[in-house]
């Protein structure tokens, strides 16, 4: 019985998240943001405040960065950004995610 409990405890430790930072935007949440329809204030109430804002030409870009580093040294990490672009009227023109997953960067 002790071996079973130890095995379960080790499995839970390896699968649990050690570190999370940023704003995790699920695909379901991103689907609520509609191109050519949703405004900045609506995006802020749907997704939250962005981790970074940038102006490119006359347009504004909001970034929602998210990182999750697993206890598991063999992977399971997430490093992604959700990007939402607005025109001069403050309406969404583009929305997309960038993703990266790989080995534990703490071990490199």
PDB file of N, CA and C in Angstrom:
ATOM      1  N   UNK A   1       0.824  -1.197   0.000  1.00  0.00           N
ATOM      2  CA  UNK A   1       0.000   0.000   0.000  1.00  0.00           C
ATOM      3  C   UNK A   1       0.872   1.267   0.000  1.00  0.00           C
ATOM      4  N   UNK A   2       1.969   1.210   0.736  1.00  0.00           N
ATOM      5  CA  UNK A   2       2.868   2.362   0.801  1.00  0.00           C
ATOM      6  C   UNK A   2       3.469   2.678  -0.572  1.00  0.00           C
ATOM      7  N   UNK A   3       3.787   1.626  -1.347  1.00  0.00           N
ATOM      8  CA  UNK A   3       4.322   1.842  -2.695  1.00  0.00           C
ATOM      9  C   UNK A   3       3.286   2.533  -3.577  1.00  0.00           C
ATOM     10  N   UNK A   4       2.031   2.140  -3.445  1.00  0.00           N
ATOM     11  CA  UNK A   4       0.955   2.737  -4.241  1.00  0.00           C
ATOM     12  C   UNK A   4       0.814   4.222  -3.915  1.00  0.00           C
ATOM     13  N   UNK A   5       0.778   4.556  -2.637  1.00  0.00           N
ATOM     14  CA  UNK A   5       0.641   5.954  -2.219  1.00  0.00           C
ATOM     15  C   UNK A   5       1.843   6.770  -2.689  1.00  0.00           C
ATOM     16  N   UNK A   6       3.032   6.201  -2.576  1.00  0.00           N
ATOM     17  CA  UNK A   6       4.234   6.894  -3.041  1.00  0.00           C
ATOM     18  C   UNK A   6       4.185   7.134  -4.544  1.00  0.00           C
ATOM     19  N   UNK A   7       3.728   6.129  -5.290  1.00  0.00           N
ATOM     20  CA  UNK A   7       3.627   6.263  -6.749  1.00  0.00           C
ATOM     21  C   UNK A   7       2.646   7.357  -7.138  1.00  0.00           C
ATOM     22  N   UNK A   8       1.501   7.397  -6.469  1.00  0.00           N
ATOM     23  CA  UNK A   8       0.497   8.422  -6.750  1.00  0.00           C
ATOM     24  C   UNK A   8       1.048   9.807  -6.407  1.00  0.00           C
ATOM     25  N   UNK A   9       1.723   9.929  -5.283  1.00  0.00           N
ATOM     26  CA  UNK A   9       2.289  11.218  -4.868  1.00  0.00           C
ATOM     27  C   UNK A   9       3.330  11.711  -5.871  1.00  0.00           C
ATOM     28  N   UNK A  10       4.179  10.819  -6.340  1.00  0.00           N
ATOM     29  CA  UNK A  10       5.200  11.198  -7.320  1.00  0.00           C
ATOM     30  C   UNK A  10       4.551  11.615  -8.634  1.00  0.00           C
ATOM     31  N   UNK A  11       3.542  10.873  -9.069  1.00  0.00           N
ATOM     32  CA  UNK A  11       2.840  11.216 -10.313  1.00  0.00           C
ATOM     33  C   UNK A  11       2.193  12.593 -10.212  1.00  0.00           C
ATOM     34  N   UNK A  12       1.587  12.889  -9.079  1.00  0.00           N
ATOM     35  CA  UNK A  12       0.959  14.196  -8.894  1.00  0.00           C
ATOM     36  C   UNK A  12       1.992  15.317  -8.895  1.00  0.00           C
ATOM     37  N   UNK A  13       3.119  15.082  -8.265  1.00  0.00           N
ATOM     38  CA  UNK A  13       4.172  16.098  -8.243  1.00  0.00           C
ATOM     39  C   UNK A  13       4.719  16.376  -9.636  1.00  0.00           C
ATOM     40  N   UNK A  14       4.893  15.338 -10.424  1.00  0.00           N
ATOM     41  CA  UNK A  14       5.439  15.517 -11.768  1.00  0.00           C
ATOM     42  C   UNK A  14       4.455  16.167 -12.721  1.00  0.00           C
ATOM     43  N   UNK A  15       3.155  15.983 -12.482  1.00  0.00           N
ATOM     44  CA  UNK A  15       2.163  16.536 -13.405  1.00  0.00           C
ATOM     45  C   UNK A  15       1.683  17.923 -12.995  1.00  0.00           C
ATOM     46  N   UNK A  16       1.937  18.335 -11.789  1.00  0.00           N
ATOM     47  CA  UNK A  16       1.467  19.636 -11.302  1.00  0.00           C
ATOM     48  C   UNK A  16       2.298  20.766 -11.888  1.00  0.00           C
ATOM     49  N   UNK A  17       1.711  21.942 -11.919  1.00  0.00           N
ATOM     50  CA  UNK A  17       2.393  23.115 -12.441  1.00  0.00           C
ATOM     51  C   UNK A  17       3.238  23.747 -11.344  1.00  0.00           C
ATOM     52  N   UNK A  18       4.453  24.089 -11.657  1.00  0.00           N
ATOM     53  CA  UNK A  18       5.330  24.708 -10.682  1.00  0.00           C
ATOM     54  C   UNK A  18       5.238  26.229 -10.725  1.00  0.00           C
ATOM     55  N   UNK A  19       4.925  26.775 -11.905  1.00  0.00           N
ATOM     56  CA  UNK A  19       5.000  28.225 -12.066  1.00  0.00           C
ATOM     57  C   UNK A  19       4.073  28.659 -13.191  1.00  0.00           C
ATOM     58  N   UNK A  20       3.261  29.670 -12.929  1.00  0.00           N
ATOM     59  CA  UNK A  20       2.395  30.267 -13.954  1.00  0.00           C
ATOM     60  C   UNK A  20       2.476  31.779 -13.826  1.00  0.00           C
ATOM     61  N   UNK A  21       2.523  32.449 -14.970  1.00  0.00           N
ATOM     62  CA  UNK A  21       2.516  33.902 -14.954  1.00  0.00           C
ATOM     63  C   UNK A  21       1.815  34.430 -16.203  1.00  0.00           C
ATOM     64  N   UNK A  22       1.220  35.595 -16.082  1.00  0.00           N
ATOM     65  CA  UNK A  22       0.550  36.216 -17.216  1.00  0.00           C
ATOM     66  C   UNK A  22      -0.940  35.960 -17.230  1.00  0.00           C
ATOM     67  N   UNK A  23      -1.537  36.198 -18.385  1.00  0.00           N
ATOM     68  CA  UNK A  23      -2.981  36.043 -18.568  1.00  0.00           C
ATOM     69  C   UNK A  23      -3.213  34.881 -19.529  1.00  0.00           C
ATOM     70  N   UNK A  24      -3.821  33.811 -19.028  1.00  0.00           N
ATOM     71  CA  UNK A  24      -4.133  32.667 -19.887  1.00  0.00           C
ATOM     72  C   UNK A  24      -5.457  32.942 -20.592  1.00  0.00           C
ATOM     73  N   UNK A  25      -5.417  33.020 -21.914  1.00  0.00           N
ATOM     74  CA  UNK A  25      -6.616  33.269 -22.715  1.00  0.00           C
ATOM     75  C   UNK A  25      -6.967  31.968 -23.427  1.00  0.00           C
ATOM     76  N   UNK A  26      -8.076  31.368 -23.040  1.00  0.00           N
ATOM     77  CA  UNK A  26      -8.502  30.126 -23.676  1.00  0.00           C
ATOM     78  C   UNK A  26      -9.082  30.422 -25.054  1.00  0.00           C
ATOM     79  N   UNK A  27      -9.171  29.389 -25.875  1.00  0.00           N
ATOM     80  CA  UNK A  27      -9.759  29.562 -27.206  1.00  0.00           C
ATOM     81  C   UNK A  27     -11.223  29.971 -27.080  1.00  0.00           C
ATOM     82  N   UNK A  28     -11.895  29.445 -26.075  1.00  0.00           N
ATOM     83  CA  UNK A  28     -13.304  29.807 -25.829  1.00  0.00           C
ATOM     84  C   UNK A  28     -13.444  31.305 -25.552  1.00  0.00           C
ATOM     85  N   UNK A  29     -12.544  31.840 -24.741  1.00  0.00           N
ATOM     86  CA  UNK A  29     -12.568  33.276 -24.448  1.00  0.00           C
ATOM     87  C   UNK A  29     -12.240  34.087 -25.698  1.00  0.00           C
ATOM     88  N   UNK A  30     -11.234  33.658 -26.445  1.00  0.00           N
ATOM     89  CA  UNK A  30     -10.848  34.382 -27.658  1.00  0.00           C
ATOM     90  C   UNK A  30     -11.978  34.380 -28.691  1.00  0.00           C
ATOM     91  N   UNK A  31     -12.761  33.312 -28.724  1.00  0.00           N
ATOM     92  CA  UNK A  31     -13.887  33.237 -29.665  1.00  0.00           C
ATOM     93  C   UNK A  31     -14.964  34.284 -29.376  1.00  0.00           C
ATOM     94  N   UNK A  32     -15.007  34.795 -28.153  1.00  0.00           N
ATOM     95  CA  UNK A  32     -15.984  35.832 -27.797  1.00  0.00           C
ATOM     96  C   UNK A  32     -15.608  37.188 -28.387  1.00  0.00           C
ATOM     97  N   UNK A  33     -14.345  37.346 -28.768  1.00  0.00           N
ATOM     98  CA  UNK A  33     -13.860  38.586 -29.382  1.00  0.00           C
ATOM     99  C   UNK A  33     -14.094  38.473 -30.887  1.00  0.00           C
ATOM    100  N   UNK A  34     -14.891  39.383 -31.439  1.00  0.00           N
ATOM    101  CA  UNK A  34     -15.256  39.315 -32.857  1.00  0.00           C
ATOM    102  C   UNK A  34     -14.553  40.415 -33.658  1.00  0.00           C
ATOM    103  N   UNK A  35     -13.903  39.986 -34.733  1.00  0.00           N
ATOM    104  CA  UNK A  35     -13.205  40.923 -35.622  1.00  0.00           C
ATOM    105  C   UNK A  35     -14.224  41.860 -36.273  1.00  0.00           C
ATOM    106  N   UNK A  36     -13.864  43.139 -36.365  1.00  0.00           N
ATOM    107  CA  UNK A  36     -14.680  44.220 -36.952  1.00  0.00           C
ATOM    108  C   UNK A  36     -15.936  44.517 -36.132  1.00  0.00           C
ATOM    109  N   UNK A  37     -15.992  44.030 -34.901  1.00  0.00           N
ATOM    110  CA  UNK A  37     -17.187  44.241 -34.088  1.00  0.00           C
ATOM    111  C   UNK A  37     -16.861  44.637 -32.641  1.00  0.00           C
ATOM    112  N   UNK A  38     -15.958  43.895 -32.004  1.00  0.00           N
ATOM    113  CA  UNK A  38     -15.662  44.099 -30.587  1.00  0.00           C
ATOM    114  C   UNK A  38     -14.755  45.318 -30.393  1.00  0.00           C
ATOM    115  N   UNK A  39     -15.057  46.122 -29.356  1.00  0.00           N
ATOM    116  CA  UNK A  39     -14.278  47.327 -29.055  1.00  0.00           C
ATOM    117  C   UNK A  39     -13.243  47.049 -27.965  1.00  0.00           C
ATOM    118  N   UNK A  40     -12.348  48.019 -27.756  1.00  0.00           N
ATOM    119  CA  UNK A  40     -11.323  47.886 -26.713  1.00  0.00           C
ATOM    120  C   UNK A  40     -11.935  47.632 -25.342  1.00  0.00           C
ATOM    121  N   UNK A  41     -12.949  48.412 -24.985  1.00  0.00           N
ATOM    122  CA  UNK A  41     -13.549  48.250 -23.655  1.00  0.00           C
ATOM    123  C   UNK A  41     -14.210  46.881 -23.515  1.00  0.00           C
ATOM    124  N   UNK A  42     -14.788  46.379 -24.602  1.00  0.00           N
ATOM    125  CA  UNK A  42     -15.389  45.045 -24.555  1.00  0.00           C
ATOM    126  C   UNK A  42     -14.315  43.968 -24.413  1.00  0.00           C
ATOM    127  N   UNK A  43     -13.200  44.132 -25.124  1.00  0.00           N
ATOM    128  CA  UNK A  43     -12.096  43.176 -25.007  1.00  0.00           C
ATOM    129  C   UNK A  43     -11.579  43.155 -23.577  1.00  0.00           C
ATOM    130  N   UNK A  44     -11.431  44.337 -22.987  1.00  0.00           N
ATOM    131  CA  UNK A  44     -10.934  44.400 -21.611  1.00  0.00           C
ATOM    132  C   UNK A  44     -11.880  43.695 -20.643  1.00  0.00           C
ATOM    133  N   UNK A  45     -13.187  43.791 -20.874  1.00  0.00           N
ATOM    134  CA  UNK A  45     -14.119  43.116 -19.965  1.00  0.00           C
ATOM    135  C   UNK A  45     -14.193  41.613 -20.251  1.00  0.00           C
ATOM    136  N   UNK A  46     -13.941  41.190 -21.493  1.00  0.00           N
ATOM    137  CA  UNK A  46     -13.976  39.764 -21.841  1.00  0.00           C
ATOM    138  C   UNK A  46     -12.686  39.061 -21.427  1.00  0.00           C
ATOM    139  N   UNK A  47     -11.548  39.660 -21.783  1.00  0.00           N
ATOM    140  CA  UNK A  47     -10.253  39.006 -21.605  1.00  0.00           C
ATOM    141  C   UNK A  47      -9.505  39.509 -20.374  1.00  0.00           C
ATOM    142  N   UNK A  48      -9.642  40.788 -20.078  1.00  0.00           N
ATOM    143  CA  UNK A  48      -8.898  41.387 -18.983  1.00  0.00           C
ATOM    144  C   UNK A  48      -7.902  42.403 -19.516  1.00  0.00           C
ATOM    145  N   UNK A  49      -7.123  42.981 -18.608  1.00  0.00           N
ATOM    146  CA  UNK A  49      -6.150  43.994 -18.990  1.00  0.00           C
ATOM    147  C   UNK A  49      -4.936  43.310 -19.619  1.00  0.00           C
ATOM    148  N   UNK A  50      -4.434  43.813 -20.742  1.00  0.00           N
ATOM    149  CA  UNK A  50      -3.304  43.157 -21.411  1.00  0.00           C
ATOM    150  C   UNK A  50      -2.005  43.299 -20.630  1.00  0.00           C
ATOM    151  N   UNK A  51      -1.092  42.364 -20.869  1.00  0.00           N
ATOM    152  CA  UNK A  51       0.217  42.448 -20.226  1.00  0.00           C
ATOM    153  C   UNK A  51       1.105  43.485 -20.902  1.00  0.00           C
ATOM    154  N   UNK A  52       0.783  43.807 -22.177  1.00  0.00           N
ATOM    155  CA  UNK A  52       1.581  44.792 -22.905  1.00  0.00           C
ATOM    156  C   UNK A  52       0.713  45.425 -23.991  1.00  0.00           C
ATOM    157  N   UNK A  53       0.925  46.726 -24.225  1.00  0.00           N
ATOM    158  CA  UNK A  53       0.264  47.447 -25.319  1.00  0.00           C
ATOM    159  C   UNK A  53       1.343  48.065 -26.197  1.00  0.00           C
ATOM    160  N   UNK A  54       1.075  48.084 -27.514  1.00  0.00           N
ATOM    161  CA  UNK A  54       2.041  48.643 -28.452  1.00  0.00           C
ATOM    162  C   UNK A  54       1.288  49.371 -29.559  1.00  0.00           C
ATOM    163  N   UNK A  55       1.868  50.463 -30.033  1.00  0.00           N
ATOM    164  CA  UNK A  55       1.296  51.184 -31.164  1.00  0.00           C
ATOM    165  C   UNK A  55       2.150  50.900 -32.389  1.00  0.00           C
ATOM    166  N   UNK A  56       1.485  50.523 -33.479  1.00  0.00           N
ATOM    167  CA  UNK A  56       2.169  50.254 -34.738  1.00  0.00           C
ATOM    168  C   UNK A  56       1.468  51.064 -35.813  1.00  0.00           C
ATOM    169  N   UNK A  57       2.125  52.131 -36.256  1.00  0.00           N
ATOM    170  CA  UNK A  57       1.457  53.072 -37.153  1.00  0.00           C
ATOM    171  C   UNK A  57       0.345  53.758 -36.379  1.00  0.00           C
ATOM    172  N   UNK A  58      -0.863  53.687 -36.892  1.00  0.00           N
ATOM    173  CA  UNK A  58      -2.013  54.265 -36.193  1.00  0.00           C
ATOM    174  C   UNK A  58      -2.793  53.212 -35.411  1.00  0.00           C
ATOM    175  N   UNK A  59      -2.404  51.960 -35.550  1.00  0.00           N
ATOM    176  CA  UNK A  59      -3.126  50.877 -34.879  1.00  0.00           C
ATOM    177  C   UNK A  59      -2.506  50.539 -33.534  1.00  0.00           C
ATOM    178  N   UNK A  60      -3.310  49.970 -32.657  1.00  0.00           N
ATOM    179  CA  UNK A  60      -2.847  49.563 -31.333  1.00  0.00           C
ATOM    180  C   UNK A  60      -2.919  48.045 -31.232  1.00  0.00           C
ATOM    181  N   UNK A  61      -1.901  47.463 -30.601  1.00  0.00           N
ATOM    182  CA  UNK A  61      -1.832  46.012 -30.440  1.00  0.00           C
ATOM    183  C   UNK A  61      -1.758  45.697 -28.952  1.00  0.00           C
ATOM    184  N   UNK A  62      -2.611  44.773 -28.513  1.00  0.00           N
ATOM    185  CA  UNK A  62      -2.610  44.315 -27.127  1.00  0.00           C
ATOM    186  C   UNK A  62      -2.079  42.892 -27.083  1.00  0.00           C
ATOM    187  N   UNK A  63      -1.194  42.641 -26.116  1.00  0.00           N
ATOM    188  CA  UNK A  63      -0.599  41.317 -25.934  1.00  0.00           C
ATOM    189  C   UNK A  63      -1.018  40.760 -24.572  1.00  0.00           C
ATOM    190  N   UNK A  64      -1.391  39.510 -24.583  1.00  0.00           N
ATOM    191  CA  UNK A  64      -1.693  38.771 -23.361  1.00  0.00           C
ATOM    192  C   UNK A  64      -0.707  37.612 -23.300  1.00  0.00           C
ATOM    193  N   UNK A  65       0.405  37.815 -22.594  1.00  0.00           N
ATOM    194  CA  UNK A  65       1.443  36.791 -22.489  1.00  0.00           C
ATOM    195  C   UNK A  65       1.093  35.812 -21.378  1.00  0.00           C
ATOM    196  N   UNK A  66       1.421  34.539 -21.590  1.00  0.00           N
ATOM    197  CA  UNK A  66       1.175  33.508 -20.583  1.00  0.00           C
ATOM    198  C   UNK A  66       2.293  32.476 -20.642  1.00  0.00           C
ATOM    199  N   UNK A  67       2.824  32.136 -19.465  1.00  0.00           N
ATOM    200  CA  UNK A  67       3.853  31.109 -19.351  1.00  0.00           C
ATOM    201  C   UNK A  67       3.487  30.164 -18.223  1.00  0.00           C
ATOM    202  N   UNK A  68       3.635  28.881 -18.491  1.00  0.00           N
ATOM    203  CA  UNK A  68       3.417  27.846 -17.484  1.00  0.00           C
ATOM    204  C   UNK A  68       4.592  26.883 -17.561  1.00  0.00           C
ATOM    205  N   UNK A  69       5.329  26.747 -16.462  1.00  0.00           N
ATOM    206  CA  UNK A  69       6.477  25.846 -16.413  1.00  0.00           C
ATOM    207  C   UNK A  69       6.131  24.694 -15.487  1.00  0.00           C
ATOM    208  N   UNK A  70       6.250  23.501 -16.010  1.00  0.00           N
ATOM    209  CA  UNK A  70       5.867  22.286 -15.301  1.00  0.00           C
ATOM    210  C   UNK A  70       6.993  21.794 -14.395  1.00  0.00           C
ATOM    211  N   UNK A  71       6.606  20.990 -13.404  1.00  0.00           N
ATOM    212  CA  UNK A  71       7.597  20.271 -12.594  1.00  0.00           C
ATOM    213  C   UNK A  71       8.317  19.235 -13.449  1.00  0.00           C
ATOM    214  N   UNK A  72       7.629  18.750 -14.466  1.00  0.00           N
ATOM    215  CA  UNK A  72       8.148  17.684 -15.305  1.00  0.00           C
ATOM    216  C   UNK A  72       9.310  18.204 -16.153  1.00  0.00           C
ATOM    217  N   UNK A  73      10.516  17.680 -15.967  1.00  0.00           N
ATOM    218  CA  UNK A  73      11.667  18.174 -16.720  1.00  0.00           C
ATOM    219  C   UNK A  73      11.664  17.764 -18.190  1.00  0.00           C
ATOM    220  N   UNK A  74      10.705  16.932 -18.599  1.00  0.00           N
ATOM    221  CA  UNK A  74      10.675  16.435 -19.974  1.00  0.00           C
ATOM    222  C   UNK A  74       9.650  17.150 -20.839  1.00  0.00           C
ATOM    223  N   UNK A  75       9.103  18.243 -20.379  1.00  0.00           N
ATOM    224  CA  UNK A  75       8.175  18.994 -21.216  1.00  0.00           C
ATOM    225  C   UNK A  75       6.931  19.403 -20.468  1.00  0.00           C
ATOM    226  N   UNK A  76       5.913  19.733 -21.233  1.00  0.00           N
ATOM    227  CA  UNK A  76       4.664  20.172 -20.638  1.00  0.00           C
ATOM    228  C   UNK A  76       4.621  21.666 -20.375  1.00  0.00           C
ATOM    229  N   UNK A  77       5.625  22.389 -20.844  1.00  0.00           N
ATOM    230  CA  UNK A  77       5.657  23.837 -20.631  1.00  0.00           C
ATOM    231  C   UNK A  77       4.856  24.551 -21.711  1.00  0.00           C
ATOM    232  N   UNK A  78       4.325  25.710 -21.355  1.00  0.00           N
ATOM    233  CA  UNK A  78       3.571  26.524 -22.305  1.00  0.00           C
ATOM    234  C   UNK A  78       4.138  27.939 -22.263  1.00  0.00           C
ATOM    235  N   UNK A  79       4.390  28.486 -23.421  1.00  0.00           N
ATOM    236  CA  UNK A  79       4.809  29.881 -23.547  1.00  0.00           C
ATOM    237  C   UNK A  79       4.055  30.433 -24.746  1.00  0.00           C
ATOM    238  N   UNK A  80       3.028  31.241 -24.497  1.00  0.00           N
ATOM    239  CA  UNK A  80       2.181  31.715 -25.588  1.00  0.00           C
ATOM    240  C   UNK A  80       1.801  33.171 -25.392  1.00  0.00           C
ATOM    241  N   UNK A  81       1.376  33.770 -26.476  1.00  0.00           N
ATOM    242  CA  UNK A  81       0.850  35.131 -26.429  1.00  0.00           C
ATOM    243  C   UNK A  81      -0.428  35.168 -27.249  1.00  0.00           C
ATOM    244  N   UNK A  82      -1.428  35.832 -26.710  1.00  0.00           N
ATOM    245  CA  UNK A  82      -2.638  36.119 -27.462  1.00  0.00           C
ATOM    246  C   UNK A  82      -2.515  37.571 -27.902  1.00  0.00           C
ATOM    247  N   UNK A  83      -2.703  37.812 -29.189  1.00  0.00           N
ATOM    248  CA  UNK A  83      -2.502  39.144 -29.757  1.00  0.00           C
ATOM    249  C   UNK A  83      -3.822  39.639 -30.334  1.00  0.00           C
ATOM    250  N   UNK A  84      -4.200  40.861 -29.954  1.00  0.00           N
ATOM    251  CA  UNK A  84      -5.422  41.477 -30.474  1.00  0.00           C
ATOM    252  C   UNK A  84      -5.052  42.856 -31.006  1.00  0.00           C
ATOM    253  N   UNK A  85      -5.388  43.096 -32.278  1.00  0.00           N
ATOM    254  CA  UNK A  85      -5.061  44.366 -32.928  1.00  0.00           C
ATOM    255  C   UNK A  85      -6.325  45.192 -33.123  1.00  0.00           C
ATOM    256  N   UNK A  86      -6.179  46.518 -32.934  1.00  0.00           N
ATOM    257  CA  UNK A  86      -7.298  47.456 -33.052  1.00  0.00           C
ATOM    258  C   UNK A  86      -6.989  48.515 -34.102  1.00  0.00           C
ATOM    259  N   UNK A  87      -8.032  49.001 -34.776  1.00  0.00           N
ATOM    260  CA  UNK A  87      -7.868  50.112 -35.718  1.00  0.00           C
ATOM    261  C   UNK A  87      -7.975  51.435 -34.958  1.00  0.00           C
ATOM    262  N   UNK A  88      -7.949  52.547 -35.679  1.00  0.00           N
ATOM    263  CA  UNK A  88      -7.982  53.870 -35.047  1.00  0.00           C
ATOM    264  C   UNK A  88      -9.306  54.151 -34.345  1.00  0.00           C
ATOM    265  N   UNK A  89     -10.345  53.412 -34.689  1.00  0.00           N
ATOM    266  CA  UNK A  89     -11.645  53.576 -34.032  1.00  0.00           C
ATOM    267  C   UNK A  89     -11.776  52.710 -32.785  1.00  0.00           C
ATOM    268  N   UNK A  90     -10.733  51.928 -32.480  1.00  0.00           N
ATOM    269  CA  UNK A  90     -10.763  51.088 -31.291  1.00  0.00           C
ATOM    270  C   UNK A  90     -11.546  49.800 -31.467  1.00  0.00           C
ATOM    271  N   UNK A  91     -11.639  49.331 -32.713  1.00  0.00           N
ATOM    272  CA  UNK A  91     -12.366  48.099 -33.015  1.00  0.00           C
ATOM    273  C   UNK A  91     -11.358  47.027 -33.447  1.00  0.00           C
ATOM    274  N   UNK A  92     -11.594  45.787 -33.041  1.00  0.00           N
ATOM    275  CA  UNK A  92     -10.689  44.679 -33.343  1.00  0.00           C
ATOM    276  C   UNK A  92     -10.581  44.460 -34.853  1.00  0.00           C
ATOM    277  N   UNK A  93      -9.324  44.363 -35.339  1.00  0.00           N
ATOM    278  CA  UNK A  93      -9.095  44.052 -36.753  1.00  0.00           C
ATOM    279  C   UNK A  93      -8.471  42.669 -36.940  1.00  0.00           C
ATOM    280  N   UNK A  94      -7.731  42.195 -35.931  1.00  0.00           N
ATOM    281  CA  UNK A  94      -7.108  40.865 -35.978  1.00  0.00           C
ATOM    282  C   UNK A  94      -7.039  40.301 -34.571  1.00  0.00           C
ATOM    283  N   UNK A  95      -7.041  38.961 -34.489  1.00  0.00           N
ATOM    284  CA  UNK A  95      -6.812  38.275 -33.218  1.00  0.00           C
ATOM    285  C   UNK A  95      -6.163  36.935 -33.528  1.00  0.00           C
ATOM    286  N   UNK A  96      -5.141  36.587 -32.755  1.00  0.00           N
ATOM    287  CA  UNK A  96      -4.474  35.307 -32.988  1.00  0.00           C
ATOM    288  C   UNK A  96      -3.631  34.934 -31.772  1.00  0.00           C
ATOM    289  N   UNK A  97      -3.196  33.665 -31.762  1.00  0.00           N
ATOM    290  CA  UNK A  97      -2.338  33.163 -30.698  1.00  0.00           C
ATOM    291  C   UNK A  97      -0.999  32.738 -31.282  1.00  0.00           C
ATOM    292  N   UNK A  98       0.050  32.958 -30.521  1.00  0.00           N
ATOM    293  CA  UNK A  98       1.355  32.389 -30.843  1.00  0.00           C
ATOM    294  C   UNK A  98       1.629  31.370 -29.757  1.00  0.00           C
ATOM    295  N   UNK A  99       2.141  30.223 -30.135  1.00  0.00           N
ATOM    296  CA  UNK A  99       2.372  29.170 -29.141  1.00  0.00           C
ATOM    297  C   UNK A  99       3.778  28.622 -29.261  1.00  0.00           C
ATOM    298  N   UNK A 100       4.267  28.198 -28.108  1.00  0.00           N
ATOM    299  CA  UNK A 100       5.542  27.515 -28.042  1.00  0.00           C
ATOM    300  C   UNK A 100       5.465  26.557 -26.874  1.00  0.00           C
ATOM    301  N   UNK A 101       5.889  25.345 -27.082  1.00  0.00           N
ATOM    302  CA  UNK A 101       5.924  24.366 -25.996  1.00  0.00           C
ATOM    303  C   UNK A 101       7.208  23.575 -26.152  1.00  0.00           C
ATOM    304  N   UNK A 102       7.783  23.199 -25.034  1.00  0.00           N
ATOM    305  CA  UNK A 102       9.024  22.451 -25.156  1.00  0.00           C
ATOM    306  C   UNK A 102       9.547  22.008 -23.822  1.00  0.00           C
ATOM    307  N   UNK A 103      10.815  21.688 -23.807  1.00  0.00           N
ATOM    308  CA  UNK A 103      11.461  21.215 -22.595  1.00  0.00           C
ATOM    309  C   UNK A 103      11.533  22.296 -21.538  1.00  0.00           C
ATOM    310  N   UNK A 104      11.849  21.898 -20.354  1.00  0.00           N
ATOM    311  CA  UNK A 104      11.904  22.808 -19.229  1.00  0.00           C
ATOM    312  C   UNK A 104      13.076  23.776 -19.388  1.00  0.00           C
ATOM    313  N   UNK A 105      12.811  25.080 -19.556  1.00  0.00           N
ATOM    314  CA  UNK A 105      13.895  26.042 -19.760  1.00  0.00           C
ATOM    315  C   UNK A 105      14.772  26.215 -18.527  1.00  0.00           C
ATOM    316  N   UNK A 106      14.297  25.790 -17.380  1.00  0.00           N
ATOM    317  CA  UNK A 106      15.101  25.918 -16.165  1.00  0.00           C
ATOM    318  C   UNK A 106      16.264  24.932 -16.157  1.00  0.00           C
ATOM    319  N   UNK A 107      16.189  23.916 -17.014  1.00  0.00           N
ATOM    320  CA  UNK A 107      17.239  22.905 -17.052  1.00  0.00           C
ATOM    321  C   UNK A 107      18.256  23.153 -18.151  1.00  0.00           C
ATOM    322  N   UNK A 108      18.056  24.185 -18.966  1.00  0.00           N
ATOM    323  CA  UNK A 108      18.968  24.454 -20.085  1.00  0.00           C
ATOM    324  C   UNK A 108      20.117  25.303 -19.640  1.00  0.00           C
TER     325      UNK A 108
END
